[in-house]
Amino acid sequence: MWKTKHKRPEDHGNFTEQFPRYNLKRTQEKITLRAIELSQPNLQGKALDAGCGNGFSTAILKKLFKTVKGFDTSNEMLKNARKKKLDVKNWRFQKIPFTEKFDIILSISALQWVPLN
């Protein structure tokens, strides 16, 4: 079993102010659009953003899909996602509570922060 020494950089204050050249939002948008392009999902269906954080990818999905949901473990990041009127919940990867089917499940820049325990 391994543990990370640090939390996500985004969890420590205003990350974009500390690292102005690192534009997380723009990077997330590019990766999200490319993942959608490669997977060619049904755009009239449902999308899930696993590890949605601030909702950068979730907001893009919301523009493209009929139904979009997201989850993350960071209450602070979820608060920002909710300000964007996104349907997000506080859940862990280890216990994803959804029983419904999704046409696409994206996890952009999130899995590396999931502990194995």
C-alpha atoms as a PDB file:
ATOM      1  CA  MET A   1       0.000   0.000   0.000  1.00  0.00           C
ATOM      2  CA  TRP A   2       1.223   3.528  -0.766  1.00  0.00           C
ATOM      3  CA  LYS A   3       0.267   6.921   0.516  1.00  0.00           C
ATOM      4  CA  THR A   4       0.908  10.314  -0.980  1.00  0.00           C
ATOM      5  CA  LYS A   5       2.869  12.831   1.042  1.00  0.00           C
ATOM      6  CA  HIS A   6       0.796  15.739  -0.192  1.00  0.00           C
ATOM      7  CA  LYS A   7      -2.807  16.572  -0.843  1.00  0.00           C
ATOM      8  CA  ARG A   8      -3.955  17.872  -4.198  1.00  0.00           C
ATOM      9  CA  PRO A   9      -2.360  21.234  -5.030  1.00  0.00           C
ATOM     10  CA  GLU A  10      -5.840  22.607  -5.674  1.00  0.00           C
ATOM     11  CA  ASP A  11      -6.733  21.973  -2.014  1.00  0.00           C
ATOM     12  CA  HIS A  12      -4.176  24.488  -0.758  1.00  0.00           C
ATOM     13  CA  GLY A  13      -5.574  27.995  -1.095  1.00  0.00           C
ATOM     14  CA  ASN A  14      -6.000  29.642  -4.463  1.00  0.00           C
ATOM     15  CA  PHE A  15      -3.930  27.405  -6.687  1.00  0.00           C
ATOM     16  CA  THR A  16      -4.135  29.605  -9.802  1.00  0.00           C
ATOM     17  CA  GLU A  17      -2.855  32.625  -7.851  1.00  0.00           C
ATOM     18  CA  GLN A  18       0.090  30.637  -6.527  1.00  0.00           C
ATOM     19  CA  PHE A  19       0.905  29.224  -9.970  1.00  0.00           C
ATOM     20  CA  PRO A  20      -0.418  31.743 -12.523  1.00  0.00           C
ATOM     21  CA  ARG A  21       1.138  30.036 -15.559  1.00  0.00           C
ATOM     22  CA  TYR A  22      -0.584  26.751 -14.713  1.00  0.00           C
ATOM     23  CA  ASN A  23      -4.081  27.155 -16.083  1.00  0.00           C
ATOM     24  CA  LEU A  24      -5.894  24.127 -14.700  1.00  0.00           C
ATOM     25  CA  LYS A  25      -9.228  25.106 -16.217  1.00  0.00           C
ATOM     26  CA  ARG A  26      -7.885  25.360 -19.773  1.00  0.00           C
ATOM     27  CA  THR A  27      -5.991  22.079 -19.399  1.00  0.00           C
ATOM     28  CA  GLN A  28      -9.077  20.299 -18.024  1.00  0.00           C
ATOM     29  CA  GLU A  29     -11.200  21.618 -20.894  1.00  0.00           C
ATOM     30  CA  LYS A  30      -8.780  20.355 -23.538  1.00  0.00           C
ATOM     31  CA  ILE A  31      -8.464  16.918 -21.964  1.00  0.00           C
ATOM     32  CA  THR A  32     -12.223  16.618 -21.438  1.00  0.00           C
ATOM     33  CA  LEU A  33     -13.069  17.531 -25.026  1.00  0.00           C
ATOM     34  CA  ARG A  34     -10.455  15.108 -26.347  1.00  0.00           C
ATOM     35  CA  ALA A  35     -11.778  12.277 -24.142  1.00  0.00           C
ATOM     36  CA  ILE A  36     -15.301  12.908 -25.413  1.00  0.00           C
ATOM     37  CA  GLU A  37     -14.063  13.000 -28.998  1.00  0.00           C
ATOM     38  CA  LEU A  38     -12.222   9.696 -28.607  1.00  0.00           C
ATOM     39  CA  SER A  39     -15.062   7.871 -26.868  1.00  0.00           C
ATOM     40  CA  GLN A  40     -17.821   9.126 -29.209  1.00  0.00           C
ATOM     41  CA  PRO A  41     -20.645   8.745 -26.655  1.00  0.00           C
ATOM     42  CA  ASN A  42     -24.359   9.344 -27.128  1.00  0.00           C
ATOM     43  CA  LEU A  43     -24.581  13.095 -26.513  1.00  0.00           C
ATOM     44  CA  GLN A  44     -28.293  12.815 -25.756  1.00  0.00           C
ATOM     45  CA  GLY A  45     -27.551  10.507 -22.827  1.00  0.00           C
ATOM     46  CA  LYS A  46     -26.020  10.673 -19.367  1.00  0.00           C
ATOM     47  CA  ALA A  47     -22.508  11.600 -18.282  1.00  0.00           C
ATOM     48  CA  LEU A  48     -20.708  11.141 -14.963  1.00  0.00           C
ATOM     49  CA  ASP A  49     -17.663  13.141 -13.878  1.00  0.00           C
ATOM     50  CA  ALA A  50     -15.833  10.957 -11.351  1.00  0.00           C
ATOM     51  CA  GLY A  51     -13.638  13.174  -9.208  1.00  0.00           C
ATOM     52  CA  CYS A  52     -15.267  16.353 -10.516  1.00  0.00           C
ATOM     53  CA  GLY A  53     -13.459  18.795  -8.215  1.00  0.00           C
ATOM     54  CA  ASN A  54     -14.390  22.406  -9.046  1.00  0.00           C
ATOM     55  CA  GLY A  55     -16.518  21.218 -11.939  1.00  0.00           C
ATOM     56  CA  PHE A  56     -14.362  22.312 -14.878  1.00  0.00           C
ATOM     57  CA  SER A  57     -15.045  19.098 -16.801  1.00  0.00           C
ATOM     58  CA  THR A  58     -18.576  18.785 -15.421  1.00  0.00           C
ATOM     59  CA  ALA A  59     -19.487  22.191 -16.866  1.00  0.00           C
ATOM     60  CA  ILE A  60     -18.304  21.097 -20.314  1.00  0.00           C
ATOM     61  CA  LEU A  61     -20.274  17.859 -20.029  1.00  0.00           C
ATOM     62  CA  LYS A  62     -23.359  19.851 -19.019  1.00  0.00           C
ATOM     63  CA  LYS A  63     -23.199  21.773 -22.303  1.00  0.00           C
ATOM     64  CA  LEU A  64     -23.032  18.544 -24.324  1.00  0.00           C
ATOM     65  CA  PHE A  65     -25.161  15.939 -22.537  1.00  0.00           C
ATOM     66  CA  LYS A  66     -28.786  15.725 -21.485  1.00  0.00           C
ATOM     67  CA  THR A  67     -27.985  14.618 -17.910  1.00  0.00           C
ATOM     68  CA  VAL A  68     -24.715  15.189 -16.035  1.00  0.00           C
ATOM     69  CA  LYS A  69     -23.703  14.226 -12.506  1.00  0.00           C
ATOM     70  CA  GLY A  70     -20.424  14.464 -10.668  1.00  0.00           C
ATOM     71  CA  PHE A  71     -18.809  13.485  -7.406  1.00  0.00           C
ATOM     72  CA  ASP A  72     -15.696  14.302  -5.415  1.00  0.00           C
ATOM     73  CA  THR A  73     -14.465  14.072  -1.808  1.00  0.00           C
ATOM     74  CA  SER A  74     -13.406  17.700  -1.401  1.00  0.00           C
ATOM     75  CA  ASN A  75     -16.203  19.788   0.119  1.00  0.00           C
ATOM     76  CA  GLU A  76     -14.344  22.996  -0.733  1.00  0.00           C
ATOM     77  CA  MET A  77     -14.085  22.080  -4.405  1.00  0.00           C
ATOM     78  CA  LEU A  78     -17.689  20.860  -4.505  1.00  0.00           C
ATOM     79  CA  LYS A  79     -18.817  24.207  -3.108  1.00  0.00           C
ATOM     80  CA  ASN A  80     -17.263  25.870  -6.176  1.00  0.00           C
ATOM     81  CA  ALA A  81     -18.912  23.340  -8.496  1.00  0.00           C
ATOM     82  CA  ARG A  82     -22.311  23.983  -6.907  1.00  0.00           C
ATOM     83  CA  LYS A  83     -21.910  27.721  -7.524  1.00  0.00           C
ATOM     84  CA  LYS A  84     -21.948  26.769 -11.216  1.00  0.00           C
ATOM     85  CA  LYS A  85     -25.324  25.014 -10.687  1.00  0.00           C
ATOM     86  CA  LEU A  86     -23.798  21.563 -11.223  1.00  0.00           C
ATOM     87  CA  ASP A  87     -25.339  18.366  -9.824  1.00  0.00           C
ATOM     88  CA  VAL A  88     -22.440  17.119  -7.679  1.00  0.00           C
ATOM     89  CA  LYS A  89     -22.208  14.987  -4.549  1.00  0.00           C
ATOM     90  CA  ASN A  90     -19.593  14.186  -1.919  1.00  0.00           C
ATOM     91  CA  TRP A  91     -18.685  10.543  -2.509  1.00  0.00           C
ATOM     92  CA  ARG A  92     -15.584   8.390  -2.697  1.00  0.00           C
ATOM     93  CA  PHE A  93     -14.387   6.327  -5.660  1.00  0.00           C
ATOM     94  CA  GLN A  94     -14.431   3.237  -3.461  1.00  0.00           C
ATOM     95  CA  LYS A  95     -18.204   3.496  -2.942  1.00  0.00           C
ATOM     96  CA  ILE A  96     -19.793   5.024  -6.017  1.00  0.00           C
ATOM     97  CA  PRO A  97     -23.524   5.051  -5.172  1.00  0.00           C
ATOM     98  CA  PHE A  98     -25.013   5.224  -8.658  1.00  0.00           C
ATOM     99  CA  THR A  99     -27.087   2.321  -9.921  1.00  0.00           C
ATOM    100  CA  GLU A 100     -28.060   4.024 -13.167  1.00  0.00           C
ATOM    101  CA  LYS A 101     -26.178   3.595 -16.425  1.00  0.00           C
ATOM    102  CA  PHE A 102     -24.088   6.342 -17.998  1.00  0.00           C
ATOM    103  CA  ASP A 103     -23.117   6.792 -21.626  1.00  0.00           C
ATOM    104  CA  ILE A 104     -19.737   8.127 -20.552  1.00  0.00           C
ATOM    105  CA  ILE A 105     -17.832   8.246 -17.277  1.00  0.00           C
ATOM    106  CA  LEU A 106     -14.911  10.645 -17.227  1.00  0.00           C
ATOM    107  CA  SER A 107     -12.248  11.036 -14.593  1.00  0.00           C
ATOM    108  CA  ILE A 108      -9.880  13.812 -15.589  1.00  0.00           C
ATOM    109  CA  SER A 109      -6.946  14.436 -13.226  1.00  0.00           C
ATOM    110  CA  ALA A 110      -8.550  12.637 -10.298  1.00  0.00           C
ATOM    111  CA  LEU A 111      -7.528   8.989  -9.996  1.00  0.00           C
ATOM    112  CA  GLN A 112      -3.996   9.780  -8.860  1.00  0.00           C
ATOM    113  CA  TRP A 113      -5.456  11.249  -5.642  1.00  0.00           C
ATOM    114  CA  VAL A 114      -7.511   8.180  -4.694  1.00  0.00           C
ATOM    115  CA  PRO A 115      -6.000   6.340  -1.722  1.00  0.00           C
ATOM    116  CA  LEU A 116      -5.837   2.560  -1.984  1.00  0.00           C
ATOM    117  CA  ASN A 117      -7.085   1.975   1.542  1.00  0.00           C
END
